[in-house]
Protein backbone atom coordinates (compact mmCIF):
# COMPACT_ATOMS: atom_id res chain seq x y z
CA MET A 1 0.00 0.00 0.00
CA THR A 2 1.45 3.37 -1.03
CA TYR A 3 1.69 6.32 1.34
CA THR A 4 -1.14 8.05 -0.51
CA GLU A 5 -3.35 4.96 -0.22
CA LYS A 6 -2.73 4.85 3.53
CA ILE A 7 -3.61 8.54 3.87
CA ASN A 8 -6.73 8.02 1.80
CA LEU A 9 -7.81 5.03 3.90
CA ILE A 10 -7.39 6.94 7.17
CA HIS A 11 -9.09 9.97 5.65
CA ARG A 12 -12.12 7.87 4.67
CA PHE A 13 -12.26 6.33 8.16
CA LEU A 14 -12.20 9.75 9.81
CA SER A 15 -14.89 10.93 7.39
CA ASN A 16 -17.13 7.92 8.24
CA GLU A 17 -17.06 6.79 4.61
CA LEU A 18 -16.11 3.12 5.16
CA ASN A 19 -18.76 0.45 4.75
CA PRO A 20 -18.85 -2.52 7.20
CA ASN A 21 -16.58 -4.71 5.06
CA GLU A 22 -14.10 -1.88 4.56
CA MET A 23 -14.20 -1.19 8.30
CA ASP A 24 -13.17 -4.80 8.98
CA GLU A 25 -10.32 -4.48 6.48
CA PHE A 26 -9.28 -1.20 8.08
CA ASN A 27 -9.08 -2.80 11.55
CA VAL A 28 -6.99 -5.66 10.15
CA TRP A 29 -4.63 -3.15 8.49
CA LEU A 30 -4.41 -1.10 11.68
CA LYS A 31 -3.31 -4.11 13.74
CA ALA A 32 -0.99 -5.57 11.10
CA ASP A 33 1.89 -3.18 11.75
CA ALA A 34 2.78 -0.90 14.66
CA ASN A 35 3.77 1.80 12.16
CA ASN A 36 0.22 1.80 10.80
CA LYS A 37 -1.09 2.59 14.28
CA ILE A 38 1.49 5.35 14.74
CA LEU A 39 0.53 6.95 11.41
CA PHE A 40 -3.17 6.68 12.26
CA ASP A 41 -2.68 8.31 15.68
CA GLN A 42 -0.66 11.15 14.21
CA ILE A 43 -3.18 11.90 11.49
CA SER A 44 -6.10 11.58 13.92
CA ASN A 45 -4.54 14.22 16.16
CA ILE A 46 -4.00 16.52 13.18
CA TRP A 47 -7.56 15.91 12.00
CA GLU A 48 -9.01 16.78 15.39
CA ALA A 49 -6.87 19.88 15.61
CA SER A 50 -7.91 21.03 12.14
CA THR A 51 -11.56 20.46 12.98
CA SER A 52 -11.42 22.71 16.01
CA ARG A 53 -9.13 25.39 14.59
CA VAL A 54 -9.74 25.36 10.88
CA SER A 55 -10.85 29.00 10.79
CA ASN A 56 -7.69 30.17 12.57
CA ILE A 57 -5.19 28.49 10.26
CA LYS A 58 -3.89 30.75 7.51
CA PHE A 59 -2.40 29.05 4.44
CA ASP A 60 -2.96 28.65 0.71
CA ALA A 61 -5.54 25.86 0.73
CA GLU A 62 -5.86 25.94 -3.03
CA LYS A 63 -2.12 25.42 -3.50
CA ALA A 64 -1.96 22.67 -0.88
CA TYR A 65 -4.92 20.79 -2.33
CA LEU A 66 -3.63 21.02 -5.91
CA LYS A 67 -0.19 19.88 -4.77
CA HIS A 68 -1.72 16.79 -3.17
CA ASN A 69 -3.81 16.10 -6.27
CA LYS A 70 -0.64 16.28 -8.37
CA ARG A 71 0.93 13.64 -6.14
CA LEU A 72 -2.15 11.44 -6.50
CA ILE A 73 -1.97 11.71 -10.27
CA LYS A 74 1.70 10.71 -10.24
CA GLU A 75 0.79 7.60 -8.27
CA ASN A 76 -2.04 6.87 -10.72
CA VAL A 77 -4.69 7.06 -7.98
CA LEU A 78 -8.15 8.04 -9.22
CA LEU A 79 -9.96 10.65 -7.17
CA SER A 80 -13.47 9.93 -6.00
CA GLU A 81 -16.19 12.24 -7.28
CA ASP A 82 -16.69 13.95 -3.92
CA SER A 83 -12.99 14.82 -3.64
CA LYS A 84 -12.61 16.40 -7.07
CA ILE A 85 -12.15 20.16 -7.29
CA ARG A 86 -15.09 22.18 -8.52
CA THR A 87 -14.68 25.50 -10.26
CA ILE A 88 -17.11 28.40 -10.32
CA GLY A 89 -16.24 31.39 -12.46
CA GLY A 90 -12.67 30.13 -12.87
CA ARG A 91 -12.06 30.02 -9.09
CA TYR A 92 -11.49 26.84 -7.12
CA GLN A 93 -14.24 26.11 -4.59
CA PHE A 94 -13.62 23.93 -1.53
CA SER A 95 -15.99 22.29 0.88
CA ARG A 96 -15.13 22.33 4.58
CA LEU A 97 -14.07 18.68 4.29
CA GLN A 98 -11.74 19.46 1.39
CA MET A 99 -10.26 22.36 3.34
CA MET A 100 -9.59 20.05 6.28
CA ALA A 101 -8.02 17.47 3.96
CA ALA A 102 -5.74 20.14 2.53
CA ILE A 103 -4.76 21.25 6.02
CA MET A 104 -4.09 17.66 7.01
CA ILE A 105 -1.83 17.02 4.02
CA LEU A 106 0.01 20.29 4.55
CA VAL A 107 0.64 19.65 8.24
CA ILE A 108 1.59 16.02 7.68
CA ALA A 109 4.14 17.09 5.11
CA SER A 110 5.75 19.44 7.63
CA VAL A 111 5.67 17.42 10.87
CA LEU A 112 5.90 13.74 9.98
CA VAL A 113 9.11 11.97 9.06
CA ILE A 114 8.26 10.23 5.78
CA ASN A 115 11.07 7.75 5.18
CA PHE A 116 11.41 7.82 1.40
CA ASN A 117 15.08 6.75 1.67
CA ASN A 118 14.51 3.55 3.64
CA GLY A 119 15.59 0.39 1.86
CA GLU A 120 17.31 2.35 -0.91
CA LYS A 121 20.54 0.87 -2.27
CA ILE A 122 22.84 3.34 -3.98
CA ASN A 123 25.73 2.47 -6.28
CA ALA A 124 27.79 5.59 -6.91
CA GLU A 125 29.04 5.43 -10.50
CA ASN A 126 30.63 8.82 -9.86
CA THR A 127 31.02 11.09 -6.83
CA LYS A 128 27.53 11.42 -5.38
CA LEU A 129 25.85 13.44 -2.62
CA VAL A 130 23.06 11.68 -0.72
CA THR A 131 20.76 13.66 1.61
CA LEU A 132 18.85 11.57 4.14
CA ASP A 133 15.37 12.24 5.56
CA ASP A 134 16.87 13.53 8.82
CA GLY A 135 18.99 16.12 6.98
CA SER A 136 22.26 14.19 7.24
CA LYS A 137 24.52 14.30 4.18
CA ILE A 138 26.75 11.56 2.80
CA TRP A 139 29.32 12.15 0.04
CA LEU A 140 30.07 8.85 -1.72
CA GLU A 141 33.33 8.27 -3.53
CA LYS A 142 33.12 6.77 -7.01
CA GLY A 143 32.46 3.02 -6.83
CA THR A 144 30.99 3.13 -3.32
CA GLN A 145 27.83 1.25 -2.34
CA LEU A 146 25.46 2.58 0.33
CA ASN A 147 22.47 0.72 1.75
CA ILE A 148 20.04 2.96 3.65
CA ARG A 149 18.50 0.44 6.04
CA GLU A 150 16.39 2.80 8.15
CA VAL A 151 16.26 6.51 8.93
CA SER A 152 13.38 7.28 11.28
CA LYS A 153 12.50 8.66 14.69
CA LYS A 154 13.47 5.32 16.21
CA GLU A 155 16.57 4.21 14.32
CA ARG A 156 19.20 5.55 11.92
CA LYS A 157 21.15 2.77 10.19
CA VAL A 158 23.12 2.44 6.97
CA SER A 159 25.68 -0.04 5.66
CA LEU A 160 28.69 0.91 3.54
CA ASN A 161 30.99 -0.75 1.07
CA GLY A 162 33.58 1.76 -0.05
CA LYS A 163 34.48 5.27 1.07
CA ALA A 164 32.17 8.05 2.26
CA TYR A 165 32.26 11.37 4.07
CA PHE A 166 29.47 11.71 6.62
CA GLU A 167 27.93 14.94 7.93
CA ILE A 168 25.46 13.66 10.50
CA VAL A 169 22.72 15.77 12.07
CA GLU A 170 22.94 15.51 15.87
CA ASN A 171 20.27 13.47 17.61
CA LYS A 172 21.33 12.22 21.05
CA ALA A 173 18.20 10.11 21.40
CA VAL A 174 18.76 8.28 18.10
CA PRO A 175 22.44 7.54 17.36
CA PHE A 176 23.51 7.02 13.75
CA HIS A 177 24.95 3.56 12.96
CA ILE A 178 27.21 2.67 10.03
CA SER A 179 28.05 -0.99 9.46
CA THR A 180 30.76 -2.48 7.25
CA ASP A 181 32.01 -6.04 6.86
CA GLU A 182 34.78 -5.48 9.42
CA PHE A 183 33.51 -2.87 11.87
CA THR A 184 30.70 -0.54 12.91
CA VAL A 185 30.59 3.18 13.68
CA LYS A 186 28.16 4.84 16.10
CA VAL A 187 27.73 8.63 16.21
CA MET A 188 25.41 11.31 17.60
CA GLY A 189 26.30 14.21 15.32
CA THR A 190 29.67 14.77 13.69
CA ARG A 191 31.70 14.81 10.46
CA PHE A 192 34.07 12.03 9.49
CA ILE A 193 35.32 9.70 6.76
CA VAL A 194 34.68 5.95 6.74
CA ASP A 195 36.66 3.74 4.36
CA SER A 196 35.43 0.14 4.54
CA LYS A 197 37.94 -1.16 2.01
CA GLY A 198 40.84 0.59 3.70
CA SER A 199 39.37 -0.31 7.13
CA SER A 200 39.85 3.19 8.49
CA VAL A 201 37.94 6.05 10.11
CA ASN A 202 39.09 9.68 10.22
CA VAL A 203 37.16 12.15 12.41
CA ARG A 204 36.91 15.82 11.51
CA ASP A 205 34.87 16.95 14.52
CA GLY A 206 32.63 15.47 17.19
CA LYS A 207 33.00 11.96 18.58
CA VAL A 208 32.46 8.46 17.17
CA LEU A 209 32.49 4.96 18.67
CA ILE A 210 34.24 2.22 16.68
CA THR A 211 33.42 -1.45 17.33
CA SER A 212 35.35 -4.32 15.78
CA GLN A 213 35.54 -7.94 16.97
CA LYS A 214 34.13 -6.99 20.37
CA LYS A 215 36.76 -4.26 20.77
CA GLN A 216 35.75 -0.62 21.07
CA LEU A 217 37.46 2.73 20.65
CA ILE A 218 36.21 6.32 20.94
CA LEU A 219 37.65 8.69 18.36
CA LEU A 220 37.64 12.46 18.81
CA ALA A 221 38.27 15.34 16.40
CA ASP A 222 41.54 15.08 14.42
CA GLN A 223 41.95 11.43 15.28
CA SER A 224 41.91 8.37 13.04
CA VAL A 225 42.18 4.60 13.38
CA LYS A 226 43.26 1.73 11.17
CA ILE A 227 41.24 -1.42 11.90
CA LYS A 228 43.23 -4.66 11.61
CA SER A 229 42.28 -8.17 12.70
CA ASN A 230 43.66 -9.31 16.07
CA ILE A 231 45.34 -5.95 16.69
CA PRO A 232 44.15 -3.53 19.42
CA LEU A 233 42.30 -0.43 18.26
CA VAL A 234 44.60 2.56 18.74
CA ALA A 235 43.73 6.21 18.06
CA ILE A 236 46.21 8.10 15.88
CA GLU A 237 46.54 11.85 16.25
CA GLN A 238 46.02 13.13 12.73
CA ALA A 239 44.75 16.59 11.85
CA PHE A 240 41.89 16.36 9.39
CA ASP A 241 43.04 17.57 5.96
CA ASN A 242 40.47 18.90 3.48
CA LYS A 243 42.74 17.60 0.74
CA ASP A 244 41.61 14.11 1.71
CA LEU A 245 38.14 14.95 0.41
CA TRP A 246 37.33 13.84 -3.13
CA PHE A 247 34.66 16.50 -3.66
CA ASN A 248 34.46 20.29 -3.58
CA GLU A 249 32.86 20.77 -0.16
CA GLU A 250 32.87 24.58 -0.06
CA LEU A 251 32.37 25.10 -3.80
CA THR A 252 35.50 27.24 -4.01
CA PHE A 253 37.39 27.57 -7.29
CA ASP A 254 40.92 28.72 -8.12
CA ASN A 255 41.57 28.97 -11.87
CA THR A 256 39.43 25.86 -12.23
CA PRO A 257 38.55 24.70 -15.77
CA PHE A 258 34.92 25.41 -16.60
CA ASP A 259 33.93 21.78 -17.14
CA ILE A 260 35.22 20.91 -13.63
CA VAL A 261 33.25 23.86 -12.21
CA ILE A 262 30.07 22.56 -13.84
CA ARG A 263 30.75 19.02 -12.61
CA ASP A 264 31.13 20.20 -9.01
CA LEU A 265 27.98 22.32 -9.24
CA ALA A 266 25.98 19.40 -10.63
CA ILE A 267 27.11 17.13 -7.79
CA ASN A 268 26.42 19.71 -5.07
CA TYR A 269 22.96 20.74 -6.32
CA LYS A 270 22.06 17.20 -7.49
CA VAL A 271 21.16 18.25 -11.02
CA SER A 272 22.32 17.48 -14.54
CA ILE A 273 24.05 20.31 -16.42
CA GLU A 274 24.87 19.81 -20.10
CA LEU A 275 27.73 21.75 -21.70
CA PRO A 276 28.32 22.71 -25.34
CA ASN A 277 30.72 20.40 -27.17
CA LYS A 278 34.31 21.46 -26.53
CA ASN A 279 37.40 19.27 -26.33
CA ASP A 280 39.46 21.37 -23.96
CA TRP A 281 38.20 23.70 -21.23
CA SER A 282 41.61 24.20 -19.57
CA SER A 283 41.97 27.77 -20.84
CA CYS A 284 38.43 28.67 -19.71
CA THR A 285 38.90 29.01 -15.95
CA PHE A 286 36.91 30.32 -13.01
CA THR A 287 37.95 31.68 -9.59
CA SER A 288 35.67 32.44 -6.66
CA GLY A 289 35.26 32.24 -2.92
CA SER A 290 32.83 29.74 -1.42
CA LEU A 291 29.53 29.44 -3.28
CA LYS A 292 28.15 26.87 -0.85
CA LYS A 293 25.49 29.19 0.60
CA ASN A 294 24.25 30.36 -2.79
CA GLY A 295 21.29 28.88 -4.60
CA LEU A 296 21.86 27.42 -8.06
CA ASP A 297 20.08 30.33 -9.76
CA GLU A 298 22.42 32.74 -7.96
CA VAL A 299 25.43 30.72 -9.10
CA PHE A 300 24.19 30.80 -12.69
CA THR A 301 23.90 34.59 -12.40
CA ILE A 302 27.52 34.76 -11.23
CA LEU A 303 28.64 32.55 -14.12
CA LYS A 304 26.64 34.67 -16.55
CA LEU A 305 28.52 37.79 -15.40
CA THR A 306 31.83 35.97 -15.82
CA TYR A 307 31.27 34.05 -19.06
CA ASP A 308 28.19 35.67 -20.58
CA ILE A 309 26.65 32.19 -20.68
CA GLU A 310 23.26 31.33 -22.07
CA TYR A 311 21.33 28.44 -20.53
CA LYS A 312 17.87 26.99 -20.21
CA LYS A 313 16.13 24.78 -17.69
CA THR A 314 14.77 21.75 -19.52
CA SER A 315 13.26 19.99 -16.47
CA ASP A 316 13.18 20.24 -12.67
CA ASP A 317 16.70 18.85 -12.40
CA THR A 318 18.23 19.37 -15.86
CA TYR A 319 19.93 22.44 -17.29
CA THR A 320 21.49 22.97 -20.70
CA ILE A 321 24.18 25.60 -21.27
CA THR A 322 24.00 26.63 -24.92
CA ARG A 323 26.78 29.23 -25.01
CA VAL A 324 29.93 29.98 -23.02
CA LYS A 325 32.07 33.03 -23.87
CA CYS A 326 35.43 32.49 -22.19
CA LYS A 327 37.57 35.49 -21.30
């Protein structure tokens, strides 16, 4: 059952729209999984709150409702006649029930942790940035495999085969666990590199707990460890060097060829950027301070001032640069 189908089922229950047979099926579904009960309780609380305070909540109901409908269409779910939008004089008209449904969807989207990542297996054919549901970021080196086992309010677990840089959002109640074939890493909130093939961990800041063959070691900032069978775990004092990173973390450039600039931007903003055909970009260079805090549109504006580029957005995550005038 998709997320939308679950929401629709709960919505119909709360609206007293289920017939006796459907009610029996609903009760079976509710008891089948503890997560179903949790989702039902959360939505019930939101529903009750929206019922009592609907007139005091200010938001764009039309936009919220249309956004939800768009998601339904993408999942190929047909809307029932009583949930379709009616128009009068070109304006969208909503019943009180539709308003409450829109509120519910809007609030759910902002307060629930919807674990879209869970169970995802990622094979990084090139350097890749992965952003988890909890806001944590993982930079995968080319050839690395990441298995996102669970990221929720109860557990945060991934497994790794290869090399990755982790930037974990702090959550003292729910530690973050990384497992490899040889060892595991447990953290609250910190930045560090894990190399499963090289059997090493290098901490940039914060604190991590390494476990291997029933042996444990706490690593602090600017410390690393090499994990070897039948050898005690020993912390090595080693200042973290940004040169060890295989990606452009701060998006800084120093006479960097334009094609490398575009590659780094595409990785950081998780988009595809197509360049005009050109064999050698080495003489077309770019220098800047950190662009990390800029949005992609702002970066394109900066590049336009530098190179007088022309580009177009061909989809939500695809851009095509049609002209580059190097200086």
